[in-house]
Amino acid sequence: MNPTHLLGPVLVLGSGLLGASIGLGLRAHGIDVVVSDPSPSAQAVAIDIGAGRAFDVSEDLAPELVVVAAPPDVSAAVVAGALKTYPDAVVVDIASVKVAIATELETILGADSELLARYVGTHPMAGRERSGPVAARGELFNSMPWVLCASESSSKHAVKVAHSLAIDMNAVVFRFSPEEHDSAVALVSHLPQVMSSLVASRLAETPAHALSLAGNGLRDVTRIAASDPTLWVQILGANAPRLLEIVQGVRTDLDRLITTLSAPTAPGARLDLAQLMAEGNAGQSRIPGKHGGPAQQYTWLTVLVDDKPGQIAKLLTEIGAIGVNVEDLRLDHSAGLQVGMVELSVLPAKRVGLVEDLTERGWKVIL
C-alpha cells in the first residue's frame, strides 16, 4: 500500500462518477472514507462497489476533509453546510466552475466569514462519457490535471490538505485563481462541448446512407456531444460571461466563412479559406501532446488488421518486440470490409524502421 498524504477520515458528499471515484481511490490507499448522497440508491451503489462506508447520522464524525461532489448549482450551499457542521475539517468542492460558487458562498456566509479559511475550490479535470457510481474508477484521476483555486481567504493548511487530496489521487496539480480557471475551461472544455453538440445536432435528420460514410473525423468531433445535458445546462449557465466572449469570436469567424463561401471564386476567396485553415493548424499545434510536450513531436502511420479477436494485441506485441514505443493509438474500420485500421503515433526517428520491420512480418502498412 502506497503512503498517503491524507490521514482521514474523508467525507464525500455526493456519490456520482467523480465522488465515487475519489472514494475508490482513497480506499485503495487504506483511508477511511464515508459516503453520503441525497439519493439512497446512488449511495448504496457507491458503497457496494467499495467507494466508502455509509454515513451514520448517530456517529460523531470528525473528518479531516470533506469533498463536496455535488452539482454546480447546489455546491455552494453544500459547502456552506459542511463548513458549519464540521468545524475542524477542510472543505473542497470539485465542480467545474469556480467563480460562481465562490461568489454564492460569500453571499451565504459573508465575505469576511472565518469559515472561508477552511474552503478551497478545486476541479479535477477527468471524467467519462458514462455517469453515476457504476462508472466510477479509482484510477480515473491518474496523471490528469487537478486545479486548485484557492481564494485570498483560504488558509495555508486548507490549501495543503486540498493539494494532498490531488496527490493521493495521482493527479497533476495546477494552481489557478478562480477567474483564471473559469476563463481557461471556457475555452478548452466548454467551447468544445458546445461546438461538438452543434455539429452533432446537424446529424439528427441526416439520412442513414449518408452517415454510413462517417469516419473518425466525425466521431472525434462529436464524441463529447453524448454528455449529460442536465449537468451542462448548469455548467454553461454558471460560466456564461466567459463562454459568451469566446462564442462571439467564433461567430465572427463563421460570418467570415459564410461570406467567403457565398462567393468561393471571388478574388481572394481561396486565400481566405486557406488562411482560415492555417489559423486552425496554428491553434491545434499549440495543444500539448504526450506528457505535456509539444504536440508535433510524433508522426503517424496506419496498419491494416483483420477485424477478428487478438489482432490488435498481436500487432502491439510485435511492435514491442521490435523495440518501438507507441505514443498514441486510434482505431477505425473500413466501411465495406472486415478490416480495422490502427493509426499509430511514434517518434519520427522510429517511423521508417518500424514500417520496414512490420512489412517484413507480414503487416500491411499504409504510408
Protein backbone atom coordinates (compact mmCIF):
# COMPACT_ATOMS: atom_id res chain seq x y z
CA MET A 1 0.00 0.00 0.00
CA ASN A 2 1.45 3.36 -1.01
CA PRO A 3 1.97 6.07 1.62
CA THR A 4 -0.66 8.79 1.61
CA HIS A 5 -0.70 12.47 2.39
CA LEU A 6 -4.19 12.45 3.89
CA LEU A 7 -4.88 10.81 7.23
CA GLY A 8 -8.66 10.64 7.10
CA PRO A 9 -11.40 10.15 7.66
CA VAL A 10 -12.67 11.77 4.47
CA LEU A 11 -16.36 12.52 3.99
CA VAL A 12 -17.52 12.52 0.37
CA LEU A 13 -20.83 14.32 -0.17
CA GLY A 14 -22.11 13.01 -3.48
CA SER A 15 -21.65 9.55 -4.93
CA GLY A 16 -21.72 10.18 -8.67
CA LEU A 17 -18.90 9.32 -11.04
CA LEU A 18 -16.35 11.71 -9.52
CA GLY A 19 -17.36 11.31 -5.88
CA ALA A 20 -17.37 7.53 -6.07
CA SER A 21 -14.06 7.54 -7.98
CA ILE A 22 -12.46 9.66 -5.26
CA GLY A 23 -13.79 7.24 -2.67
CA LEU A 24 -12.37 4.24 -4.54
CA GLY A 25 -9.01 5.94 -4.95
CA LEU A 26 -8.72 6.87 -1.28
CA ARG A 27 -9.92 3.47 -0.10
CA ALA A 28 -7.19 1.86 -2.21
CA HIS A 29 -4.74 3.77 0.00
CA GLY A 30 -6.40 2.47 3.14
CA ILE A 31 -8.06 5.78 4.04
CA ASP A 32 -11.37 5.70 5.89
CA VAL A 33 -13.99 7.14 3.52
CA VAL A 34 -17.58 7.94 4.46
CA VAL A 35 -20.07 8.41 1.63
CA SER A 36 -23.27 10.42 1.79
CA ASP A 37 -25.71 11.14 -1.01
CA PRO A 38 -29.28 12.54 -1.13
CA SER A 39 -30.13 9.55 -3.32
CA PRO A 40 -30.22 6.37 -1.19
CA SER A 41 -29.85 4.19 -4.28
CA ALA A 42 -26.80 6.08 -5.58
CA GLN A 43 -25.23 5.94 -2.12
CA ALA A 44 -25.93 2.21 -1.88
CA VAL A 45 -24.28 1.52 -5.23
CA ALA A 46 -21.21 3.55 -4.24
CA ILE A 47 -20.90 1.57 -1.03
CA ASP A 48 -21.42 -1.73 -2.84
CA ILE A 49 -18.54 -1.02 -5.23
CA GLY A 50 -16.25 -0.17 -2.31
CA ALA A 51 -16.14 3.63 -2.54
CA GLY A 52 -16.67 4.03 1.21
CA ARG A 53 -18.86 3.19 4.15
CA ALA A 54 -22.32 4.54 4.80
CA PHE A 55 -22.77 7.83 6.60
CA ASP A 56 -24.29 7.28 10.05
CA VAL A 57 -26.05 10.34 11.48
CA SER A 58 -25.52 8.99 15.00
CA GLU A 59 -21.72 8.89 14.55
CA ASP A 60 -19.66 11.72 15.98
CA LEU A 61 -17.75 12.11 12.74
CA ALA A 62 -14.76 14.44 12.71
CA PRO A 63 -13.42 14.31 9.13
CA GLU A 64 -10.06 15.70 8.15
CA LEU A 65 -11.52 16.59 4.77
CA VAL A 66 -14.99 16.98 3.27
CA VAL A 67 -15.21 16.58 -0.51
CA VAL A 68 -18.33 18.17 -1.98
CA ALA A 69 -19.11 16.23 -5.15
CA ALA A 70 -22.45 17.87 -5.83
CA PRO A 71 -23.86 19.50 -8.97
CA PRO A 72 -22.63 23.08 -9.56
CA ASP A 73 -25.98 24.70 -8.78
CA VAL A 74 -26.04 23.35 -5.21
CA SER A 75 -22.31 23.13 -4.46
CA ALA A 76 -22.09 26.44 -2.60
CA ALA A 77 -24.96 25.55 -0.26
CA VAL A 78 -23.49 22.11 0.43
CA VAL A 79 -20.04 23.60 1.08
CA ALA A 80 -21.51 26.15 3.49
CA GLY A 81 -23.37 23.43 5.37
CA ALA A 82 -20.22 21.31 5.64
CA LEU A 83 -18.14 24.22 6.93
CA LYS A 84 -20.70 24.83 9.66
CA THR A 85 -21.23 21.17 10.55
CA TYR A 86 -17.57 20.12 10.71
CA PRO A 87 -15.60 22.95 12.39
CA ASP A 88 -12.22 21.22 12.13
CA ALA A 89 -12.49 19.97 8.56
CA VAL A 90 -11.12 21.41 5.35
CA VAL A 91 -13.87 21.52 2.71
CA VAL A 92 -13.30 21.35 -1.03
CA ASP A 93 -15.70 21.19 -3.94
CA ILE A 94 -14.88 19.55 -7.27
CA ALA A 95 -17.33 21.40 -9.53
CA SER A 96 -16.18 22.52 -12.98
CA VAL A 97 -16.91 26.23 -12.38
CA LYS A 98 -15.33 28.23 -9.59
CA VAL A 99 -16.23 31.93 -9.64
CA ALA A 100 -19.99 31.42 -9.36
CA ILE A 101 -19.60 29.01 -6.45
CA ALA A 102 -17.15 31.26 -4.60
CA THR A 103 -19.43 34.27 -5.09
CA GLU A 104 -22.52 32.41 -3.87
CA LEU A 105 -20.60 31.02 -0.90
CA GLU A 106 -19.57 34.52 0.17
CA THR A 107 -23.20 35.58 -0.10
CA ILE A 108 -24.29 32.70 2.14
CA LEU A 109 -21.54 33.02 4.75
CA GLY A 110 -20.48 36.63 4.40
CA ALA A 111 -17.33 37.76 2.65
CA ASP A 112 -15.48 38.14 5.95
CA SER A 113 -16.53 34.82 7.42
CA GLU A 114 -13.74 32.92 9.18
CA LEU A 115 -15.27 29.72 7.81
CA LEU A 116 -13.93 30.59 4.35
CA ALA A 117 -10.38 29.93 5.59
CA ARG A 118 -11.15 26.21 5.52
CA TYR A 119 -12.51 26.17 1.96
CA VAL A 120 -10.64 25.59 -1.30
CA GLY A 121 -12.30 25.35 -4.69
CA THR A 122 -10.85 22.56 -6.83
CA HIS A 123 -11.55 20.98 -10.20
CA PRO A 124 -10.28 17.53 -11.19
CA MET A 125 -10.39 17.59 -14.98
CA ALA A 126 -11.26 13.97 -15.59
CA GLY A 127 -14.42 12.15 -16.50
CA ARG A 128 -16.07 9.54 -18.67
CA GLU A 129 -18.95 9.53 -21.11
CA ARG A 130 -20.82 7.30 -18.65
CA SER A 131 -22.09 8.77 -15.39
CA GLY A 132 -23.04 7.57 -11.93
CA PRO A 133 -21.21 5.41 -9.40
CA VAL A 134 -21.36 2.30 -11.61
CA ALA A 135 -18.90 4.05 -13.96
CA ALA A 136 -16.51 5.02 -11.15
CA ARG A 137 -12.83 4.05 -11.29
CA GLY A 138 -10.20 4.57 -8.64
CA GLU A 139 -7.65 5.34 -11.36
CA LEU A 140 -9.83 7.98 -13.04
CA PHE A 141 -7.57 10.86 -11.99
CA ASN A 142 -4.19 9.24 -12.70
CA SER A 143 -1.94 11.82 -14.41
CA MET A 144 -4.95 14.09 -15.06
CA PRO A 145 -4.97 17.83 -14.21
CA TRP A 146 -6.39 18.74 -10.81
CA VAL A 147 -6.77 22.51 -10.44
CA LEU A 148 -6.59 24.20 -7.04
CA CYS A 149 -8.37 27.56 -6.97
CA ALA A 150 -7.60 28.92 -3.53
CA SER A 151 -9.08 32.30 -2.68
CA GLU A 152 -7.45 35.05 -0.62
CA SER A 153 -9.37 33.67 2.35
CA SER A 154 -8.05 30.10 2.04
CA SER A 155 -5.57 29.19 4.77
CA LYS A 156 -2.22 27.53 4.04
CA HIS A 157 -3.42 24.45 5.90
CA ALA A 158 -6.56 24.21 3.76
CA VAL A 159 -4.52 24.51 0.57
CA LYS A 160 -2.12 21.82 1.81
CA VAL A 161 -4.97 19.40 2.51
CA ALA A 162 -6.56 20.10 -0.88
CA HIS A 163 -3.17 19.53 -2.51
CA SER A 164 -2.81 16.27 -0.58
CA LEU A 165 -6.11 15.01 -1.97
CA ALA A 166 -4.96 15.61 -5.54
CA ILE A 167 -1.60 13.95 -4.91
CA ASP A 168 -3.23 10.91 -3.30
CA MET A 169 -5.40 10.64 -6.42
CA ASN A 170 -2.17 10.56 -8.50
CA ALA A 171 -3.25 13.72 -10.31
CA VAL A 172 -1.09 16.56 -11.65
CA VAL A 173 -1.68 19.70 -9.60
CA PHE A 174 -2.18 23.13 -11.16
CA ARG A 175 -2.88 26.38 -9.31
CA PHE A 176 -5.17 28.97 -10.86
CA SER A 177 -7.22 31.79 -9.44
CA PRO A 178 -10.97 31.15 -9.76
CA GLU A 179 -11.12 33.76 -12.54
CA GLU A 180 -8.18 32.24 -14.44
CA HIS A 181 -9.71 28.79 -14.11
CA ASP A 182 -13.11 29.76 -15.46
CA SER A 183 -11.60 31.64 -18.39
CA ALA A 184 -9.37 28.67 -19.24
CA VAL A 185 -12.09 26.00 -19.07
CA ALA A 186 -14.46 28.17 -21.09
CA LEU A 187 -12.01 27.78 -23.98
CA VAL A 188 -10.55 24.29 -23.52
CA SER A 189 -13.65 22.50 -22.18
CA HIS A 190 -16.90 24.40 -22.51
CA LEU A 191 -16.42 25.67 -26.08
CA PRO A 192 -15.53 22.19 -27.41
CA GLN A 193 -18.66 20.81 -25.74
CA VAL A 194 -20.87 23.44 -27.35
CA MET A 195 -19.30 23.07 -30.78
CA SER A 196 -19.49 19.27 -30.59
CA SER A 197 -23.18 19.46 -29.69
CA LEU A 198 -23.89 21.91 -32.51
CA VAL A 199 -22.19 19.69 -35.08
CA ALA A 200 -23.95 16.58 -33.76
CA SER A 201 -27.32 18.33 -33.88
CA ARG A 202 -26.90 18.60 -37.68
CA LEU A 203 -26.97 14.79 -37.82
CA ALA A 204 -30.38 14.31 -36.24
CA GLU A 205 -32.28 14.08 -39.52
CA THR A 206 -29.41 13.06 -41.80
CA PRO A 207 -30.21 10.01 -43.99
CA ALA A 208 -28.64 6.79 -42.72
CA HIS A 209 -26.84 6.15 -46.01
CA ALA A 210 -25.02 9.46 -45.65
CA LEU A 211 -23.94 8.64 -42.08
CA SER A 212 -22.55 5.31 -43.30
CA LEU A 213 -19.67 7.31 -44.77
CA ALA A 214 -18.72 8.75 -41.37
CA GLY A 215 -15.16 8.18 -40.22
CA ASN A 216 -13.02 9.07 -37.24
CA GLY A 217 -13.16 12.78 -38.04
CA LEU A 218 -16.88 13.00 -37.36
CA ARG A 219 -16.63 10.61 -34.41
CA ASP A 220 -13.83 12.65 -32.84
CA VAL A 221 -15.67 15.94 -33.25
CA THR A 222 -18.99 14.64 -31.88
CA ARG A 223 -17.78 12.23 -29.16
CA ILE A 224 -18.49 14.58 -26.25
CA ALA A 225 -21.90 15.51 -27.66
CA ALA A 226 -23.14 12.43 -25.75
CA SER A 227 -22.57 14.26 -22.43
CA ASP A 228 -25.28 14.79 -19.81
CA PRO A 229 -27.49 17.76 -20.88
CA THR A 230 -28.68 18.48 -17.32
CA LEU A 231 -25.15 18.91 -16.00
CA TRP A 232 -24.09 21.05 -18.94
CA VAL A 233 -27.03 23.40 -18.50
CA GLN A 234 -25.63 24.20 -15.06
CA ILE A 235 -22.01 24.49 -16.21
CA LEU A 236 -22.72 26.72 -19.20
CA GLY A 237 -25.09 28.91 -17.23
CA ALA A 238 -22.57 29.41 -14.43
CA ASN A 239 -19.75 30.30 -16.82
CA ALA A 240 -21.84 32.13 -19.42
CA PRO A 241 -19.99 35.51 -19.40
CA ARG A 242 -16.62 33.94 -20.20
CA LEU A 243 -18.00 31.50 -22.75
CA LEU A 244 -20.06 34.21 -24.45
CA GLU A 245 -16.96 36.24 -25.30
CA ILE A 246 -15.36 33.21 -26.97
CA VAL A 247 -18.52 32.20 -28.83
CA GLN A 248 -18.83 35.74 -30.19
CA GLY A 249 -15.33 35.33 -31.62
CA VAL A 250 -16.40 32.05 -33.23
CA ARG A 251 -19.43 33.84 -34.69
CA THR A 252 -17.13 36.42 -36.27
CA ASP A 253 -15.12 33.62 -37.88
CA LEU A 254 -18.31 31.90 -39.08
CA ASP A 255 -19.57 35.14 -40.59
CA ARG A 256 -16.26 35.48 -42.38
CA LEU A 257 -16.52 31.89 -43.66
CA ILE A 258 -20.13 32.38 -44.78
CA THR A 259 -19.14 35.49 -46.72
CA THR A 260 -16.30 33.63 -48.43
CA LEU A 261 -18.36 30.55 -49.26
CA SER A 262 -21.09 32.75 -50.71
CA ALA A 263 -18.65 33.70 -53.47
CA PRO A 264 -15.99 30.96 -53.47
CA THR A 265 -14.49 32.01 -56.81
CA ALA A 266 -14.26 35.72 -56.00
CA PRO A 267 -10.80 37.29 -55.87
CA GLY A 268 -9.14 36.44 -52.56
CA ALA A 269 -11.73 33.80 -51.59
CA ARG A 270 -9.39 30.83 -51.87
CA LEU A 271 -6.68 32.69 -49.98
CA ASP A 272 -9.12 33.47 -47.19
CA LEU A 273 -10.15 29.80 -46.95
CA ALA A 274 -6.50 28.78 -46.83
CA GLN A 275 -5.81 31.34 -44.12
CA LEU A 276 -8.76 30.10 -42.09
CA MET A 277 -7.46 26.53 -42.23
CA ALA A 278 -3.91 27.68 -41.48
CA GLU A 279 -5.14 29.55 -38.41
CA GLY A 280 -6.67 26.28 -37.26
CA ASN A 281 -3.37 24.49 -37.88
CA ALA A 282 -1.56 27.07 -35.76
CA GLY A 283 -4.02 26.75 -32.89
CA GLN A 284 -4.08 22.95 -32.96
CA SER A 285 -0.28 22.80 -32.86
CA ARG A 286 -0.31 24.57 -29.51
CA ILE A 287 -2.27 21.83 -27.76
CA PRO A 288 0.20 19.95 -25.53
CA GLY A 289 1.00 16.41 -26.56
CA LYS A 290 2.05 13.41 -24.50
CA HIS A 291 3.48 14.29 -21.07
CA GLY A 292 2.71 17.95 -21.80
CA GLY A 293 5.32 18.11 -24.55
CA PRO A 294 4.94 19.69 -27.99
CA ALA A 295 2.08 18.17 -29.97
CA GLN A 296 4.05 17.91 -33.22
CA GLN A 297 6.94 15.76 -31.99
CA TYR A 298 5.31 12.49 -33.16
CA THR A 299 4.37 11.07 -36.56
CA TRP A 300 1.55 8.73 -37.59
CA LEU A 301 1.28 5.55 -39.65
CA THR A 302 -1.66 3.24 -40.33
CA VAL A 303 -1.63 -0.56 -40.19
CA LEU A 304 -4.43 -2.72 -41.60
CA VAL A 305 -5.55 -5.57 -39.35
CA ASP A 306 -8.16 -8.28 -39.80
CA ASP A 307 -11.32 -7.48 -37.86
CA LYS A 308 -11.14 -10.51 -35.59
CA PRO A 309 -10.14 -11.18 -31.96
CA GLY A 310 -6.49 -10.84 -30.99
CA GLN A 311 -5.20 -8.92 -34.00
CA ILE A 312 -4.60 -5.59 -32.27
CA ALA A 313 -2.93 -7.31 -29.33
CA LYS A 314 -0.71 -9.24 -31.75
CA LEU A 315 0.24 -6.03 -33.58
CA LEU A 316 1.15 -4.19 -30.38
CA THR A 317 3.11 -7.19 -29.10
CA GLU A 318 5.17 -7.29 -32.29
CA ILE A 319 5.79 -3.53 -32.15
CA GLY A 320 7.03 -4.00 -28.60
CA ALA A 321 9.31 -6.81 -29.73
CA ILE A 322 10.69 -4.51 -32.43
CA GLY A 323 11.52 -2.05 -29.65
CA VAL A 324 9.30 0.88 -30.59
CA ASN A 325 7.09 2.69 -28.09
CA VAL A 326 3.58 3.56 -29.27
CA GLU A 327 2.89 7.11 -28.15
CA ASP A 328 -0.80 7.14 -29.11
CA LEU A 329 -3.31 4.92 -30.89
CA ARG A 330 -6.58 5.37 -32.78
CA LEU A 331 -8.82 2.73 -34.31
CA ASP A 332 -11.08 2.99 -37.34
CA HIS A 333 -12.88 0.46 -39.56
CA SER A 334 -13.35 0.10 -43.29
CA ALA A 335 -16.91 0.89 -44.34
CA GLY A 336 -17.31 -2.18 -46.53
CA LEU A 337 -14.64 -4.70 -45.46
CA GLN A 338 -13.89 -6.73 -42.33
CA VAL A 339 -10.72 -4.74 -41.83
CA GLY A 340 -9.58 -2.49 -39.00
CA MET A 341 -7.24 0.45 -39.42
CA VAL A 342 -4.92 1.03 -36.48
CA GLU A 343 -3.37 4.51 -36.53
CA LEU A 344 -0.15 4.58 -34.51
CA SER A 345 1.81 7.58 -33.27
CA VAL A 346 5.57 7.09 -32.90
CA LEU A 347 8.72 9.17 -32.71
CA PRO A 348 9.72 10.36 -36.21
CA ALA A 349 13.12 8.70 -35.92
CA LYS A 350 11.45 5.31 -35.38
CA ARG A 351 8.93 5.51 -38.23
CA VAL A 352 10.95 4.23 -41.21
CA GLY A 353 12.44 1.29 -39.32
CA LEU A 354 9.07 0.34 -37.87
CA VAL A 355 7.43 0.37 -41.30
CA GLU A 356 10.17 -1.88 -42.69
CA ASP A 357 10.00 -4.32 -39.76
CA LEU A 358 6.21 -4.56 -39.80
CA THR A 359 6.18 -5.09 -43.56
CA GLU A 360 8.71 -7.91 -43.22
CA ARG A 361 6.48 -9.51 -40.59
CA GLY A 362 3.52 -9.52 -43.00
CA TRP A 363 1.61 -6.44 -41.85
CA LYS A 364 0.16 -4.07 -44.45
CA VAL A 365 1.27 -0.54 -43.62
CA ILE A 366 -0.36 2.49 -45.25
CA LEU A 367 2.03 5.41 -45.67
